[in-house]
PDB file of all heavy atoms in Angstrom:
ATOM      1  N   PHE A   1     112.922  -4.115  52.099  1.00  0.00           N
ATOM      2  CA  PHE A   1     112.568  -3.480  50.828  1.00  0.00           C
ATOM      3  C   PHE A   1     112.910  -1.989  50.836  1.00  0.00           C
ATOM      4  O   PHE A   1     113.253  -1.420  49.804  1.00  0.00           O
ATOM      5  CB  PHE A   1     111.077  -3.666  50.547  1.00  0.00           C
ATOM      6  CG  PHE A   1     110.729  -5.030  50.017  1.00  0.00           C
ATOM      7  CD1 PHE A   1     109.412  -5.376  49.776  1.00  0.00           C
ATOM      8  CD2 PHE A   1     111.716  -5.971  49.774  1.00  0.00           C
ATOM      9  CE1 PHE A   1     109.083  -6.634  49.294  1.00  0.00           C
ATOM     10  CE2 PHE A   1     111.400  -7.234  49.297  1.00  0.00           C
ATOM     11  CZ  PHE A   1     110.079  -7.567  49.053  1.00  0.00           C
ATOM     12  N   GLY A   2     112.792  -1.352  52.004  1.00  0.00           N
ATOM     13  CA  GLY A   2     113.106   0.071  52.100  1.00  0.00           C
ATOM     14  C   GLY A   2     114.561   0.384  51.812  1.00  0.00           C
ATOM     15  O   GLY A   2     114.901   1.529  51.496  1.00  0.00           O
ATOM     16  N   MET A   3     115.404  -0.625  51.933  1.00  0.00           N
ATOM     17  CA  MET A   3     116.832  -0.437  51.637  1.00  0.00           C
ATOM     18  C   MET A   3     117.199  -0.912  50.237  1.00  0.00           C
ATOM     19  O   MET A   3     118.379  -0.974  49.890  1.00  0.00           O
ATOM     20  CB  MET A   3     117.672  -1.181  52.684  1.00  0.00           C
ATOM     21  CG  MET A   3     117.510  -0.621  54.096  1.00  0.00           C
ATOM     22  SD  MET A   3     118.597  -1.399  55.312  1.00  0.00           S
ATOM     23  CE  MET A   3     117.869  -3.043  55.414  1.00  0.00           C
ATOM     24  N   VAL A   4     116.189  -1.259  49.423  1.00  0.00           N
ATOM     25  CA  VAL A   4     116.410  -1.685  48.039  1.00  0.00           C
ATOM     26  C   VAL A   4     115.620  -0.759  47.118  1.00  0.00           C
ATOM     27  O   VAL A   4     114.435  -1.004  46.840  1.00  0.00           O
ATOM     28  CB  VAL A   4     115.986  -3.157  47.821  1.00  0.00           C
ATOM     29  CG1 VAL A   4     116.302  -3.599  46.391  1.00  0.00           C
ATOM     30  CG2 VAL A   4     116.673  -4.073  48.826  1.00  0.00           C
ATOM     31  N   PRO A   5     116.235   0.325  46.663  1.00  0.00           N
ATOM     32  CA  PRO A   5     115.512   1.294  45.826  1.00  0.00           C
ATOM     33  C   PRO A   5     114.869   0.683  44.579  1.00  0.00           C
ATOM     34  O   PRO A   5     113.810   1.135  44.148  1.00  0.00           O
ATOM     35  CB  PRO A   5     116.594   2.312  45.453  1.00  0.00           C
ATOM     36  CG  PRO A   5     117.573   2.239  46.587  1.00  0.00           C
ATOM     37  CD  PRO A   5     117.599   0.795  46.992  1.00  0.00           C
ATOM     38  N   LYS A   6     115.487  -0.324  43.993  1.00  0.00           N
ATOM     39  CA  LYS A   6     114.897  -0.943  42.794  1.00  0.00           C
ATOM     40  C   LYS A   6     113.534  -1.559  43.129  1.00  0.00           C
ATOM     41  O   LYS A   6     112.596  -1.490  42.322  1.00  0.00           O
ATOM     42  CB  LYS A   6     115.833  -2.010  42.228  1.00  0.00           C
ATOM     43  CG  LYS A   6     117.012  -1.465  41.434  1.00  0.00           C
ATOM     44  CD  LYS A   6     117.766  -2.568  40.753  1.00  0.00           C
ATOM     45  CE  LYS A   6     118.945  -2.022  39.953  1.00  0.00           C
ATOM     46  NZ  LYS A   6     118.517  -1.177  38.815  1.00  0.00           N
ATOM     47  N   MET A   7     113.427  -2.140  44.311  1.00  0.00           N
ATOM     48  CA  MET A   7     112.151  -2.723  44.718  1.00  0.00           C
ATOM     49  C   MET A   7     111.099  -1.634  44.896  1.00  0.00           C
ATOM     50  O   MET A   7     109.921  -1.822  44.552  1.00  0.00           O
ATOM     51  CB  MET A   7     112.326  -3.518  46.015  1.00  0.00           C
ATOM     52  CG  MET A   7     111.047  -4.147  46.538  1.00  0.00           C
ATOM     53  SD  MET A   7     110.270  -5.285  45.373  1.00  0.00           S
ATOM     54  CE  MET A   7     111.482  -6.617  45.390  1.00  0.00           C
ATOM     55  N   ALA A   8     111.518  -0.480  45.435  1.00  0.00           N
ATOM     56  CA  ALA A   8     110.578   0.631  45.621  1.00  0.00           C
ATOM     57  C   ALA A   8     110.020   1.087  44.274  1.00  0.00           C
ATOM     58  O   ALA A   8     108.810   1.336  44.132  1.00  0.00           O
ATOM     59  CB  ALA A   8     111.268   1.789  46.334  1.00  0.00           C
ATOM     60  N   VAL A   9     110.900   1.195  43.265  1.00  0.00           N
ATOM     61  CA  VAL A   9     110.441   1.607  41.929  1.00  0.00           C
ATOM     62  C   VAL A   9     109.513   0.555  41.337  1.00  0.00           C
ATOM     63  O   VAL A   9     108.494   0.879  40.718  1.00  0.00           O
ATOM     64  CB  VAL A   9     111.653   1.837  41.002  1.00  0.00           C
ATOM     65  CG1 VAL A   9     111.193   2.149  39.582  1.00  0.00           C
ATOM     66  CG2 VAL A   9     112.519   2.978  41.529  1.00  0.00           C
ATOM     67  N   LEU A  10     109.837  -0.729  41.542  1.00  0.00           N
ATOM     68  CA  LEU A  10     109.026  -1.809  40.991  1.00  0.00           C
ATOM     69  C   LEU A  10     107.629  -1.817  41.608  1.00  0.00           C
ATOM     70  O   LEU A  10     106.619  -1.944  40.903  1.00  0.00           O
ATOM     71  CB  LEU A  10     109.722  -3.152  41.229  1.00  0.00           C
ATOM     72  CG  LEU A  10     109.069  -4.378  40.587  1.00  0.00           C
ATOM     73  CD1 LEU A  10     109.075  -4.248  39.071  1.00  0.00           C
ATOM     74  CD2 LEU A  10     109.778  -5.653  41.013  1.00  0.00           C
ATOM     75  N   VAL A  11     107.554  -1.675  42.936  1.00  0.00           N
ATOM     76  CA  VAL A  11     106.255  -1.657  43.612  1.00  0.00           C
ATOM     77  C   VAL A  11     105.448  -0.436  43.194  1.00  0.00           C
ATOM     78  O   VAL A  11     104.236  -0.516  42.969  1.00  0.00           O
ATOM     79  CB  VAL A  11     106.456  -1.699  45.139  1.00  0.00           C
ATOM     80  CG1 VAL A  11     105.130  -1.495  45.851  1.00  0.00           C
ATOM     81  CG2 VAL A  11     107.084  -3.024  45.554  1.00  0.00           C
ATOM     82  N   ALA A  12     106.121   0.708  43.084  1.00  0.00           N
ATOM     83  CA  ALA A  12     105.427   1.940  42.693  1.00  0.00           C
ATOM     84  C   ALA A  12     104.915   1.872  41.260  1.00  0.00           C
ATOM     85  O   ALA A  12     104.012   2.628  40.884  1.00  0.00           O
ATOM     86  CB  ALA A  12     106.360   3.136  42.854  1.00  0.00           C
ATOM     87  N   SER A  13     105.477   0.969  40.453  1.00  0.00           N
ATOM     88  CA  SER A  13     105.064   0.880  39.049  1.00  0.00           C
ATOM     89  C   SER A  13     103.802   0.044  38.864  1.00  0.00           C
ATOM     90  O   SER A  13     103.278  -0.036  37.752  1.00  0.00           O
ATOM     91  CB  SER A  13     106.200   0.279  38.208  1.00  0.00           C
ATOM     92  OG  SER A  13     106.436  -1.075  38.574  1.00  0.00           O
ATOM     93  N   ILE A  14     103.307  -0.588  39.935  1.00  0.00           N
ATOM     94  CA  ILE A  14     102.060  -1.361  39.815  1.00  0.00           C
ATOM     95  C   ILE A  14     100.929  -0.394  39.485  1.00  0.00           C
ATOM     96  O   ILE A  14     100.662   0.542  40.245  1.00  0.00           O
ATOM     97  CB  ILE A  14     101.745  -2.114  41.115  1.00  0.00           C
ATOM     98  CG1 ILE A  14     102.858  -3.107  41.453  1.00  0.00           C
ATOM     99  CG2 ILE A  14     100.415  -2.850  41.001  1.00  0.00           C
ATOM    100  CD1 ILE A  14     102.664  -3.820  42.776  1.00  0.00           C
ATOM    101  N   PRO A  15     100.261  -0.568  38.377  1.00  0.00           N
ATOM    102  CA  PRO A  15      99.189   0.369  38.002  1.00  0.00           C
ATOM    103  C   PRO A  15      98.072   0.393  39.042  1.00  0.00           C
ATOM    104  O   PRO A  15      97.749  -0.630  39.649  1.00  0.00           O
ATOM    105  CB  PRO A  15      98.686  -0.191  36.666  1.00  0.00           C
ATOM    106  CG  PRO A  15      99.804  -1.028  36.143  1.00  0.00           C
ATOM    107  CD  PRO A  15     100.468  -1.616  37.346  1.00  0.00           C
ATOM    108  N   GLN A  16      97.493   1.553  39.213  1.00  0.00           N
ATOM    109  CA  GLN A  16      96.431   1.674  40.209  1.00  0.00           C
ATOM    110  C   GLN A  16      95.198   0.861  39.840  1.00  0.00           C
ATOM    111  O   GLN A  16      94.480   0.378  40.722  1.00  0.00           O
ATOM    112  CB  GLN A  16      96.059   3.148  40.399  1.00  0.00           C
ATOM    113  CG  GLN A  16      97.109   3.950  41.152  1.00  0.00           C
ATOM    114  CD  GLN A  16      96.591   5.286  41.627  1.00  0.00           C
ATOM    115  OE1 GLN A  16      95.689   5.863  41.030  1.00  0.00           O
ATOM    116  NE2 GLN A  16      97.162   5.798  42.696  1.00  0.00           N
ATOM    117  N   PHE A  17      94.942   0.669  38.547  1.00  0.00           N
ATOM    118  CA  PHE A  17      93.755  -0.099  38.182  1.00  0.00           C
ATOM    119  C   PHE A  17      93.932  -1.580  38.535  1.00  0.00           C
ATOM    120  O   PHE A  17      92.949  -2.294  38.704  1.00  0.00           O
ATOM    121  CB  PHE A  17      93.414   0.069  36.699  1.00  0.00           C
ATOM    122  CG  PHE A  17      94.569  -0.129  35.745  1.00  0.00           C
ATOM    123  CD1 PHE A  17      94.934  -1.405  35.344  1.00  0.00           C
ATOM    124  CD2 PHE A  17      95.284   0.958  35.268  1.00  0.00           C
ATOM    125  CE1 PHE A  17      95.986  -1.598  34.466  1.00  0.00           C
ATOM    126  CE2 PHE A  17      96.343   0.779  34.383  1.00  0.00           C
ATOM    127  CZ  PHE A  17      96.699  -0.503  33.974  1.00  0.00           C
ATOM    128  N   VAL A  18      95.175  -2.039  38.655  1.00  0.00           N
ATOM    129  CA  VAL A  18      95.416  -3.398  39.148  1.00  0.00           C
ATOM    130  C   VAL A  18      95.052  -3.480  40.632  1.00  0.00           C
ATOM    131  O   VAL A  18      94.393  -4.422  41.084  1.00  0.00           O
ATOM    132  CB  VAL A  18      96.881  -3.808  38.920  1.00  0.00           C
ATOM    133  CG1 VAL A  18      97.176  -5.142  39.596  1.00  0.00           C
ATOM    134  CG2 VAL A  18      97.190  -3.892  37.429  1.00  0.00           C
ATOM    135  N   LEU A  19      95.481  -2.473  41.378  1.00  0.00           N
ATOM    136  CA  LEU A  19      95.140  -2.430  42.804  1.00  0.00           C
ATOM    137  C   LEU A  19      93.636  -2.266  43.009  1.00  0.00           C
ATOM    138  O   LEU A  19      93.091  -2.705  44.026  1.00  0.00           O
ATOM    139  CB  LEU A  19      95.884  -1.276  43.482  1.00  0.00           C
ATOM    140  CG  LEU A  19      97.416  -1.341  43.443  1.00  0.00           C
ATOM    141  CD1 LEU A  19      98.005  -0.080  44.073  1.00  0.00           C
ATOM    142  CD2 LEU A  19      97.924  -2.574  44.162  1.00  0.00           C
ATOM    143  N   GLY A  20      92.976  -1.627  42.056  1.00  0.00           N
ATOM    144  CA  GLY A  20      91.543  -1.405  42.185  1.00  0.00           C
ATOM    145  C   GLY A  20      90.761  -2.700  42.237  1.00  0.00           C
ATOM    146  O   GLY A  20      89.800  -2.823  43.011  1.00  0.00           O
ATOM    147  N   GLY A  21      91.147  -3.683  41.425  1.00  0.00           N
ATOM    148  CA  GLY A  21      90.451  -4.963  41.442  1.00  0.00           C
ATOM    149  C   GLY A  21      90.553  -5.645  42.792  1.00  0.00           C
ATOM    150  O   GLY A  21      89.574  -6.217  43.293  1.00  0.00           O
ATOM    151  N   ALA A  22      91.755  -5.578  43.401  1.00  0.00           N
ATOM    152  CA  ALA A  22      91.945  -6.161  44.732  1.00  0.00           C
ATOM    153  C   ALA A  22      91.278  -5.301  45.793  1.00  0.00           C
ATOM    154  O   ALA A  22      90.736  -5.818  46.777  1.00  0.00           O
ATOM    155  CB  ALA A  22      93.439  -6.308  45.029  1.00  0.00           C
ATOM    156  N   GLY A  23      91.301  -3.976  45.593  1.00  0.00           N
ATOM    157  CA  GLY A  23      90.724  -3.067  46.583  1.00  0.00           C
ATOM    158  C   GLY A  23      89.236  -3.247  46.750  1.00  0.00           C
ATOM    159  O   GLY A  23      88.708  -3.152  47.863  1.00  0.00           O
ATOM    160  N   LEU A  24      88.541  -3.535  45.652  1.00  0.00           N
ATOM    161  CA  LEU A  24      87.096  -3.730  45.749  1.00  0.00           C
ATOM    162  C   LEU A  24      86.755  -4.916  46.642  1.00  0.00           C
ATOM    163  O   LEU A  24      85.748  -4.902  47.358  1.00  0.00           O
ATOM    164  CB  LEU A  24      86.512  -3.941  44.344  1.00  0.00           C
ATOM    165  CG  LEU A  24      86.530  -2.721  43.422  1.00  0.00           C
ATOM    166  CD1 LEU A  24      86.009  -3.088  42.044  1.00  0.00           C
ATOM    167  CD2 LEU A  24      85.695  -1.587  44.008  1.00  0.00           C
ATOM    168  N   VAL A  25      87.606  -5.941  46.615  1.00  0.00           N
ATOM    169  CA  VAL A  25      87.385  -7.095  47.476  1.00  0.00           C
ATOM    170  C   VAL A  25      87.630  -6.723  48.935  1.00  0.00           C
ATOM    171  O   VAL A  25      86.799  -6.958  49.819  1.00  0.00           O
ATOM    172  CB  VAL A  25      88.293  -8.272  47.075  1.00  0.00           C
ATOM    173  CG1 VAL A  25      88.088  -9.458  48.013  1.00  0.00           C
ATOM    174  CG2 VAL A  25      88.026  -8.683  45.643  1.00  0.00           C
ATOM    175  N   MET A  26      88.808  -6.127  49.200  1.00  0.00           N
ATOM    176  CA  MET A  26      89.201  -5.846  50.584  1.00  0.00           C
ATOM    177  C   MET A  26      88.322  -4.784  51.220  1.00  0.00           C
ATOM    178  O   MET A  26      87.879  -4.915  52.360  1.00  0.00           O
ATOM    179  CB  MET A  26      90.671  -5.417  50.619  1.00  0.00           C
ATOM    180  CG  MET A  26      91.630  -6.506  50.173  1.00  0.00           C
ATOM    181  SD  MET A  26      93.360  -6.045  50.365  1.00  0.00           S
ATOM    182  CE  MET A  26      93.522  -4.742  49.146  1.00  0.00           C
ATOM    183  N   PHE A  27      88.044  -3.707  50.484  1.00  0.00           N
ATOM    184  CA  PHE A  27      87.244  -2.626  51.046  1.00  0.00           C
ATOM    185  C   PHE A  27      85.806  -3.077  51.256  1.00  0.00           C
ATOM    186  O   PHE A  27      85.147  -2.683  52.224  1.00  0.00           O
ATOM    187  CB  PHE A  27      87.276  -1.404  50.137  1.00  0.00           C
ATOM    188  CG  PHE A  27      88.671  -0.896  49.845  1.00  0.00           C
ATOM    189  CD1 PHE A  27      88.902  -0.025  48.802  1.00  0.00           C
ATOM    190  CD2 PHE A  27      89.751  -1.310  50.615  1.00  0.00           C
ATOM    191  CE1 PHE A  27      90.183   0.439  48.532  1.00  0.00           C
ATOM    192  CE2 PHE A  27      91.029  -0.858  50.344  1.00  0.00           C
ATOM    193  CZ  PHE A  27      91.249   0.018  49.300  1.00  0.00           C
ATOM    194  N   GLY A  28      85.328  -3.904  50.334  1.00  0.00           N
ATOM    195  CA  GLY A  28      83.981  -4.430  50.485  1.00  0.00           C
ATOM    196  C   GLY A  28      83.835  -5.291  51.722  1.00  0.00           C
ATOM    197  O   GLY A  28      82.768  -5.323  52.357  1.00  0.00           O
ATOM    198  N   MET A  29      84.910  -5.994  52.101  1.00  0.00           N
ATOM    199  CA  MET A  29      84.873  -6.821  53.309  1.00  0.00           C
ATOM    200  C   MET A  29      84.689  -5.967  54.559  1.00  0.00           C
ATOM    201  O   MET A  29      83.986  -6.347  55.491  1.00  0.00           O
ATOM    202  CB  MET A  29      86.157  -7.645  53.418  1.00  0.00           C
ATOM    203  CG  MET A  29      86.195  -8.838  52.496  1.00  0.00           C
ATOM    204  SD  MET A  29      84.937 -10.054  52.933  1.00  0.00           S
ATOM    205  CE  MET A  29      85.320 -11.372  51.805  1.00  0.00           C
ATOM    206  N   VAL A  30      85.351  -4.816  54.601  1.00  0.00           N
ATOM    207  CA  VAL A  30      85.187  -3.903  55.734  1.00  0.00           C
ATOM    208  C   VAL A  30      83.742  -3.418  55.805  1.00  0.00           C
ATOM    209  O   VAL A  30      83.121  -3.396  56.877  1.00  0.00           O
ATOM    210  CB  VAL A  30      86.155  -2.709  55.620  1.00  0.00           C
ATOM    211  CG1 VAL A  30      85.944  -1.735  56.774  1.00  0.00           C
ATOM    212  CG2 VAL A  30      87.597  -3.185  55.600  1.00  0.00           C
ATOM    213  N   LEU A  31      83.201  -3.037  54.665  1.00  0.00           N
ATOM    214  CA  LEU A  31      81.808  -2.575  54.612  1.00  0.00           C
ATOM    215  C   LEU A  31      80.854  -3.685  55.050  1.00  0.00           C
ATOM    216  O   LEU A  31      79.906  -3.448  55.816  1.00  0.00           O
ATOM    217  CB  LEU A  31      81.481  -2.122  53.189  1.00  0.00           C
ATOM    218  CG  LEU A  31      80.044  -1.648  52.918  1.00  0.00           C
ATOM    219  CD1 LEU A  31      79.675  -0.485  53.828  1.00  0.00           C
ATOM    220  CD2 LEU A  31      79.896  -1.253  51.454  1.00  0.00           C
ATOM    221  N   ALA A  32      81.110  -4.914  54.583  1.00  0.00           N
ATOM    222  CA  ALA A  32      80.246  -6.031  54.950  1.00  0.00           C
ATOM    223  C   ALA A  32      80.296  -6.312  56.448  1.00  0.00           C
ATOM    224  O   ALA A  32      79.286  -6.690  57.061  1.00  0.00           O
ATOM    225  CB  ALA A  32      80.659  -7.286  54.168  1.00  0.00           C
ATOM    226  N   THR A  33      81.474  -6.115  57.061  1.00  0.00           N
ATOM    227  CA  THR A  33      81.595  -6.317  58.508  1.00  0.00           C
ATOM    228  C   THR A  33      80.715  -5.322  59.265  1.00  0.00           C
ATOM    229  O   THR A  33      80.026  -5.682  60.227  1.00  0.00           O
ATOM    230  CB  THR A  33      83.057  -6.161  58.956  1.00  0.00           C
ATOM    231  OG1 THR A  33      83.866  -7.131  58.283  1.00  0.00           O
ATOM    232  CG2 THR A  33      83.196  -6.349  60.458  1.00  0.00           C
ATOM    233  N   GLY A  34      80.732  -4.059  58.840  1.00  0.00           N
ATOM    234  CA  GLY A  34      79.879  -3.059  59.477  1.00  0.00           C
ATOM    235  C   GLY A  34      78.400  -3.374  59.318  1.00  0.00           C
ATOM    236  O   GLY A  34      77.614  -3.240  60.264  1.00  0.00           O
ATOM    237  N   ILE A  35      78.015  -3.806  58.125  1.00  0.00           N
ATOM    238  CA  ILE A  35      76.606  -4.153  57.887  1.00  0.00           C
ATOM    239  C   ILE A  35      76.198  -5.347  58.754  1.00  0.00           C
ATOM    240  O   ILE A  35      75.078  -5.392  59.279  1.00  0.00           O
ATOM    241  CB  ILE A  35      76.396  -4.466  56.396  1.00  0.00           C
ATOM    242  CG1 ILE A  35      76.609  -3.193  55.556  1.00  0.00           C
ATOM    243  CG2 ILE A  35      75.000  -5.029  56.139  1.00  0.00           C
ATOM    244  CD1 ILE A  35      76.562  -3.421  54.069  1.00  0.00           C
ATOM    245  N   ARG A  36      77.114  -6.302  58.915  1.00  0.00           N
ATOM    246  CA  ARG A  36      76.814  -7.473  59.739  1.00  0.00           C
ATOM    247  C   ARG A  36      76.552  -7.077  61.192  1.00  0.00           C
ATOM    248  O   ARG A  36      75.642  -7.597  61.839  1.00  0.00           O
ATOM    249  CB  ARG A  36      77.978  -8.462  59.676  1.00  0.00           C
ATOM    250  CG  ARG A  36      77.717  -9.775  60.416  1.00  0.00           C
ATOM    251  CD  ARG A  36      78.856 -10.729  60.201  1.00  0.00           C
ATOM    252  NE  ARG A  36      80.104 -10.206  60.737  1.00  0.00           N
ATOM    253  CZ  ARG A  36      81.280 -10.817  60.609  1.00  0.00           C
ATOM    254  NH1 ARG A  36      81.355 -11.957  59.929  1.00  0.00           N
ATOM    255  NH2 ARG A  36      82.372 -10.295  61.132  1.00  0.00           N
ATOM    256  N   ILE A  37      77.335  -6.128  61.699  1.00  0.00           N
ATOM    257  CA  ILE A  37      77.122  -5.657  63.073  1.00  0.00           C
ATOM    258  C   ILE A  37      75.778  -4.938  63.179  1.00  0.00           C
ATOM    259  O   ILE A  37      75.002  -5.165  64.113  1.00  0.00           O
ATOM    260  CB  ILE A  37      78.262  -4.728  63.508  1.00  0.00           C
ATOM    261  CG1 ILE A  37      79.591  -5.483  63.524  1.00  0.00           C
ATOM    262  CG2 ILE A  37      77.991  -4.144  64.896  1.00  0.00           C
ATOM    263  CD1 ILE A  37      80.787  -4.604  63.806  1.00  0.00           C
ATOM    264  N   LEU A  38      75.490  -4.069  62.217  1.00  0.00           N
ATOM    265  CA  LEU A  38      74.243  -3.309  62.248  1.00  0.00           C
ATOM    266  C   LEU A  38      73.016  -4.218  62.095  1.00  0.00           C
ATOM    267  O   LEU A  38      71.928  -3.886  62.565  1.00  0.00           O
ATOM    268  CB  LEU A  38      74.242  -2.251  61.149  1.00  0.00           C
ATOM    269  CG  LEU A  38      75.238  -1.091  61.328  1.00  0.00           C
ATOM    270  CD1 LEU A  38      75.176  -0.140  60.142  1.00  0.00           C
ATOM    271  CD2 LEU A  38      74.960  -0.339  62.623  1.00  0.00           C
ATOM    272  N   SER A  39      73.197  -5.358  61.446  1.00  0.00           N
ATOM    273  CA  SER A  39      72.066  -6.274  61.266  1.00  0.00           C
ATOM    274  C   SER A  39      71.634  -6.920  62.577  1.00  0.00           C
ATOM    275  O   SER A  39      70.525  -7.443  62.677  1.00  0.00           O
ATOM    276  CB  SER A  39      72.431  -7.358  60.251  1.00  0.00           C
ATOM    277  OG  SER A  39      73.432  -8.224  60.761  1.00  0.00           O
ATOM    278  N   ARG A  40      72.521  -6.897  63.586  1.00  0.00           N
ATOM    279  CA  ARG A  40      72.188  -7.507  64.869  1.00  0.00           C
ATOM    280  C   ARG A  40      71.575  -6.508  65.849  1.00  0.00           C
ATOM    281  O   ARG A  40      71.243  -6.868  66.977  1.00  0.00           O
ATOM    282  CB  ARG A  40      73.450  -8.126  65.487  1.00  0.00           C
ATOM    283  CG  ARG A  40      74.068  -9.227  64.641  1.00  0.00           C
ATOM    284  CD  ARG A  40      75.004 -10.092  65.472  1.00  0.00           C
ATOM    285  NE  ARG A  40      76.157  -9.356  65.928  1.00  0.00           N
ATOM    286  CZ  ARG A  40      77.355  -9.426  65.350  1.00  0.00           C
ATOM    287  NH1 ARG A  40      77.527 -10.214  64.291  1.00  0.00           N
ATOM    288  NH2 ARG A  40      78.366  -8.740  65.814  1.00  0.00           N
ATOM    289  N   ILE A  41      71.452  -5.257  65.428  1.00  0.00           N
ATOM    290  CA  ILE A  41      70.899  -4.229  66.301  1.00  0.00           C
ATOM    291  C   ILE A  41      69.375  -4.351  66.344  1.00  0.00           C
ATOM    292  O   ILE A  41      68.728  -4.680  65.346  1.00  0.00           O
ATOM    293  CB  ILE A  41      71.321  -2.832  65.806  1.00  0.00           C
ATOM    294  CG1 ILE A  41      72.845  -2.718  65.772  1.00  0.00           C
ATOM    295  CG2 ILE A  41      70.745  -1.744  66.701  1.00  0.00           C
ATOM    296  CD1 ILE A  41      73.525  -2.944  67.100  1.00  0.00           C
ATOM    297  N   ASN A  42      68.803  -4.049  67.498  1.00  0.00           N
ATOM    298  CA  ASN A  42      67.353  -4.099  67.677  1.00  0.00           C
ATOM    299  C   ASN A  42      66.722  -2.804  67.159  1.00  0.00           C
ATOM    300  O   ASN A  42      66.949  -1.730  67.705  1.00  0.00           O
ATOM    301  CB  ASN A  42      67.022  -4.305  69.163  1.00  0.00           C
ATOM    302  CG  ASN A  42      65.526  -4.283  69.418  1.00  0.00           C
ATOM    303  OD1 ASN A  42      64.730  -4.475  68.514  1.00  0.00           O
ATOM    304  ND2 ASN A  42      65.169  -4.050  70.667  1.00  0.00           N
ATOM    305  N   TYR A  43      65.941  -2.925  66.089  1.00  0.00           N
ATOM    306  CA  TYR A  43      65.256  -1.767  65.530  1.00  0.00           C
ATOM    307  C   TYR A  43      63.742  -1.806  65.799  1.00  0.00           C
ATOM    308  O   TYR A  43      63.075  -0.788  65.629  1.00  0.00           O
ATOM    309  CB  TYR A  43      65.479  -1.689  64.008  1.00  0.00           C
ATOM    310  CG  TYR A  43      66.920  -1.577  63.600  1.00  0.00           C
ATOM    311  CD1 TYR A  43      67.605  -2.672  63.084  1.00  0.00           C
ATOM    312  CD2 TYR A  43      67.612  -0.380  63.717  1.00  0.00           C
ATOM    313  CE1 TYR A  43      68.931  -2.574  62.700  1.00  0.00           C
ATOM    314  CE2 TYR A  43      68.940  -0.272  63.340  1.00  0.00           C
ATOM    315  CZ  TYR A  43      69.592  -1.375  62.833  1.00  0.00           C
ATOM    316  OH  TYR A  43      70.904  -1.284  62.459  1.00  0.00           O
ATOM    317  N   SER A  44      63.221  -2.960  66.176  1.00  0.00           N
ATOM    318  CA  SER A  44      61.769  -3.108  66.316  1.00  0.00           C
ATOM    319  C   SER A  44      61.240  -2.452  67.584  1.00  0.00           C
ATOM    320  O   SER A  44      60.239  -1.721  67.546  1.00  0.00           O
ATOM    321  CB  SER A  44      61.400  -4.590  66.297  1.00  0.00           C
ATOM    322  OG  SER A  44      62.106  -5.295  67.306  1.00  0.00           O
ATOM    323  N   THR A  45      61.906  -2.694  68.721  1.00  0.00           N
ATOM    324  CA  THR A  45      61.423  -2.121  69.978  1.00  0.00           C
ATOM    325  C   THR A  45      62.104  -0.791  70.305  1.00  0.00           C
ATOM    326  O   THR A  45      61.665  -0.082  71.195  1.00  0.00           O
ATOM    327  CB  THR A  45      61.659  -3.110  71.138  1.00  0.00           C
ATOM    328  OG1 THR A  45      63.055  -3.412  71.233  1.00  0.00           O
ATOM    329  CG2 THR A  45      60.886  -4.401  70.904  1.00  0.00           C
TER     330      THR A  45
END
């Protein structure tokens, strides 16, 4: 793709609000992974 300038323009034309819908899913997964690890930590003792 790096050697096809037309593809670079096409990919760059994807609106950011389109990426935002997908980003909320992917970024939320990272956050959920961290919360899952923290949920296994011992806080009582």
